[in-house]
C-alpha cells in the first residue's frame, strides 16, 4: 500500500515539475507586419509594387490596343500583313508574360529580403528576452491551437524591436 501511495505521489511530483516549465508563444508575422521597421519596409515594398503594377497595366493596354487595331483592320489587310500583325501581337504577349513573371519573382525576393532583415534584428532581441526572463521554450503562434493570452509575448517583442530600430536608426538608413 505504501509503495502504491509513494508511486502516485512521485507521479504527481513529476507532473508538477513539468508544469513549472516556462513556455510562451509569439506571432512572428504580426511582429514583421506591425513593427516600425516592418511598416517602413512595407511602404517601400508597396512603392515598388505600385510601380511594377503601373508598368504591367501599360503593357496590357498596348496589347489591347494592338489587338483592337488588328481586329479593325482584319478585313482590309491581306493575309501576309495580317499574319505579320498577329505575330507581332504574339511577340508582345510573350514579352508581357516574361516581364510579368520576372517582376513577380522580383517582388517575392524583395519581400523575402525585408522579412529576413527584420528577423536578423529580431533574433538577438528574442534570445536576450528569453535569457532575461528564464523562458524555456518559445513557440510560433501559428502552431498554437489555444493558449492563454498571458503566454503571448508578441507585444513585448514588438516594443523591444521598435526600441532597437530607433536606437540603431534603421528606418532612416534608406
Protein backbone atom coordinates (compact mmCIF):
# COMPACT_ATOMS: atom_id res chain seq x y z
CA UNK A 1 0.00 0.00 0.00
CA UNK A 2 2.84 2.40 0.86
CA UNK A 3 4.53 1.55 -2.43
CA UNK A 4 1.39 2.46 -4.39
CA UNK A 5 0.98 5.69 -2.41
CA UNK A 6 4.65 6.55 -2.98
CA UNK A 7 4.34 5.76 -6.70
CA UNK A 8 1.24 8.00 -7.08
CA UNK A 9 2.92 10.78 -5.07
CA UNK A 10 6.05 10.52 -7.25
CA UNK A 11 3.93 10.59 -10.41
CA UNK A 12 2.23 13.84 -9.32
CA UNK A 13 5.61 15.36 -8.46
CA UNK A 14 6.87 14.73 -11.99
CA UNK A 15 3.84 16.47 -13.47
CA UNK A 16 4.35 19.38 -11.10
CA UNK A 17 7.95 19.77 -12.23
CA UNK A 18 6.91 19.91 -15.88
CA UNK A 19 4.14 22.36 -15.08
CA UNK A 20 6.78 24.85 -13.94
CA UNK A 21 8.42 24.96 -17.38
CA UNK A 22 8.20 28.46 -18.77
CA UNK A 23 6.67 28.15 -22.24
CA UNK A 24 5.47 31.16 -24.23
CA UNK A 25 4.42 31.89 -27.78
CA UNK A 26 4.66 34.78 -30.19
CA UNK A 27 3.24 35.79 -33.57
CA UNK A 28 6.28 36.39 -35.77
CA UNK A 29 4.19 37.51 -38.74
CA UNK A 30 2.44 40.12 -36.59
CA UNK A 31 5.82 41.48 -35.49
CA UNK A 32 7.08 41.61 -39.09
CA UNK A 33 3.98 43.44 -40.30
CA UNK A 34 3.32 45.81 -37.36
CA UNK A 35 6.71 46.80 -36.00
CA UNK A 36 8.06 50.21 -37.00
CA UNK A 37 10.68 48.69 -39.30
CA UNK A 38 8.08 46.30 -40.72
CA UNK A 39 5.78 49.20 -41.59
CA UNK A 40 8.75 51.07 -43.10
CA UNK A 41 9.68 48.11 -45.29
CA UNK A 42 6.02 47.54 -46.17
CA UNK A 43 5.81 51.12 -47.53
CA UNK A 44 8.99 50.63 -49.58
CA UNK A 45 7.66 47.32 -50.85
CA UNK A 46 4.30 48.88 -51.76
CA UNK A 47 6.04 51.64 -53.73
CA UNK A 48 7.94 49.05 -55.76
CA UNK A 49 4.79 47.01 -56.21
CA UNK A 50 2.78 50.03 -57.41
CA UNK A 51 5.48 50.96 -59.92
CA UNK A 52 5.55 47.44 -61.34
CA UNK A 53 1.76 47.31 -61.43
CA UNK A 54 1.56 50.54 -63.45
CA UNK A 55 4.16 49.20 -65.91
CA UNK A 56 2.19 45.97 -66.30
CA UNK A 57 -1.03 47.93 -66.90
CA UNK A 58 0.74 49.94 -69.62
CA UNK A 59 1.88 46.74 -71.33
CA UNK A 60 -1.63 45.27 -71.08
CA UNK A 61 -3.07 48.45 -72.58
CA UNK A 62 -0.60 48.28 -75.50
CA UNK A 63 -1.58 44.66 -76.15
CA UNK A 64 -5.29 45.52 -76.06
CA UNK A 65 -4.81 48.45 -78.43
CA UNK A 66 -2.81 46.28 -80.83
CA UNK A 67 -5.48 43.59 -80.66
CA UNK A 68 -8.26 46.10 -81.36
CA UNK A 69 -6.22 47.60 -84.21
CA UNK A 70 -5.73 44.18 -85.80
CA UNK A 71 -9.40 43.35 -85.37
CA UNK A 72 -10.47 46.60 -87.03
CA UNK A 73 -8.08 46.14 -89.96
CA UNK A 74 -8.71 42.43 -90.34
CA UNK A 75 -10.84 42.78 -93.46
CA UNK A 76 -8.59 45.43 -95.05
CA UNK A 77 -5.20 43.70 -94.64
CA UNK A 78 -4.01 40.94 -96.91
CA UNK A 79 -3.00 37.59 -95.42
CA UNK A 80 0.71 38.38 -95.19
CA UNK A 81 0.16 41.69 -93.41
CA UNK A 82 -2.43 40.10 -91.11
CA UNK A 83 -0.06 37.25 -90.22
CA UNK A 84 2.72 39.76 -89.61
CA UNK A 85 0.45 41.76 -87.30
CA UNK A 86 -0.66 38.60 -85.46
CA UNK A 87 2.97 37.52 -84.98
CA UNK A 88 3.74 40.98 -83.64
CA UNK A 89 0.83 40.61 -81.20
CA UNK A 90 2.04 37.15 -80.13
CA UNK A 91 5.51 38.64 -79.52
CA UNK A 92 4.00 41.40 -77.38
CA UNK A 93 2.02 38.84 -75.38
CA UNK A 94 5.08 36.63 -74.93
CA UNK A 95 7.21 39.59 -73.80
CA UNK A 96 4.43 40.64 -71.42
CA UNK A 97 4.29 37.18 -69.80
CA UNK A 98 8.06 37.04 -69.37
CA UNK A 99 8.12 40.56 -67.94
CA UNK A 100 5.25 39.82 -65.54
CA UNK A 101 6.92 36.61 -64.28
CA UNK A 102 10.26 38.38 -63.78
CA UNK A 103 8.61 41.18 -61.83
CA UNK A 104 6.61 38.70 -59.74
CA UNK A 105 9.87 36.96 -58.79
CA UNK A 106 11.46 40.34 -58.03
CA UNK A 107 8.58 41.26 -55.72
CA UNK A 108 8.74 37.92 -53.89
CA UNK A 109 12.51 38.19 -53.47
CA UNK A 110 12.21 41.74 -52.15
CA UNK A 111 9.60 40.66 -49.62
CA UNK A 112 11.82 37.76 -48.50
CA UNK A 113 14.77 40.15 -48.19
CA UNK A 114 12.81 42.54 -45.98
CA UNK A 115 11.48 39.72 -43.80
CA UNK A 116 15.00 38.34 -43.46
CA UNK A 117 16.37 41.74 -42.39
CA UNK A 118 13.67 42.07 -39.73
CA UNK A 119 14.29 38.54 -38.46
CA UNK A 120 18.04 39.22 -38.25
CA UNK A 121 17.31 42.14 -35.95
CA UNK A 122 14.62 40.26 -34.02
CA UNK A 123 16.66 37.11 -33.32
CA UNK A 124 19.17 38.62 -30.84
CA UNK A 125 16.37 40.58 -29.16
CA UNK A 126 14.37 37.38 -28.74
CA UNK A 127 17.40 35.49 -27.45
CA UNK A 128 18.14 38.18 -24.87
CA UNK A 129 14.47 38.33 -23.83
CA UNK A 130 14.35 34.56 -23.36
CA UNK A 131 17.53 34.52 -21.27
CA UNK A 132 16.49 37.52 -19.18
CA UNK A 133 13.05 36.10 -18.38
CA UNK A 134 14.07 32.47 -17.87
CA UNK A 135 11.90 31.19 -20.70
CA UNK A 136 12.46 27.56 -21.62
CA UNK A 137 10.55 27.36 -24.89
CA UNK A 138 9.14 29.84 -27.42
CA UNK A 139 6.59 28.63 -29.96
CA UNK A 140 5.23 30.37 -33.04
CA UNK A 141 1.58 31.36 -32.63
CA UNK A 142 0.60 29.79 -35.95
CA UNK A 143 1.41 26.39 -34.43
CA UNK A 144 -0.68 27.00 -31.29
CA UNK A 145 -4.30 25.91 -31.29
CA UNK A 146 -5.26 27.54 -27.97
CA UNK A 147 -3.12 29.34 -25.42
CA UNK A 148 -3.56 31.69 -22.51
CA UNK A 149 -3.17 35.33 -23.55
CA UNK A 150 -0.68 35.85 -20.73
CA UNK A 151 1.74 33.49 -22.50
CA UNK A 152 1.76 35.66 -25.65
CA UNK A 153 4.95 37.76 -25.78
CA UNK A 154 4.28 39.28 -29.21
CA UNK A 155 3.59 42.81 -27.97
CA UNK A 156 6.63 42.79 -25.68
CA UNK A 157 8.92 41.81 -28.54
CA UNK A 158 7.30 44.30 -30.92
CA UNK A 159 8.09 47.09 -28.43
CA UNK A 160 11.65 45.84 -27.97
CA UNK A 161 12.14 45.64 -31.74
CA UNK A 162 10.80 49.19 -32.13
CA UNK A 163 13.22 50.44 -29.46
CA UNK A 164 16.14 48.65 -31.12
CA UNK A 165 15.14 50.08 -34.51
CA UNK A 166 15.11 53.61 -33.10
CA UNK A 167 18.39 53.04 -31.26
CA UNK A 168 20.13 51.76 -34.39
CA UNK A 169 18.39 54.39 -36.56
CA UNK A 170 17.49 51.72 -39.15
CA UNK A 171 14.41 53.39 -40.57
CA UNK A 172 16.28 56.45 -41.83
CA UNK A 173 19.06 54.43 -43.47
CA UNK A 174 17.40 54.22 -46.90
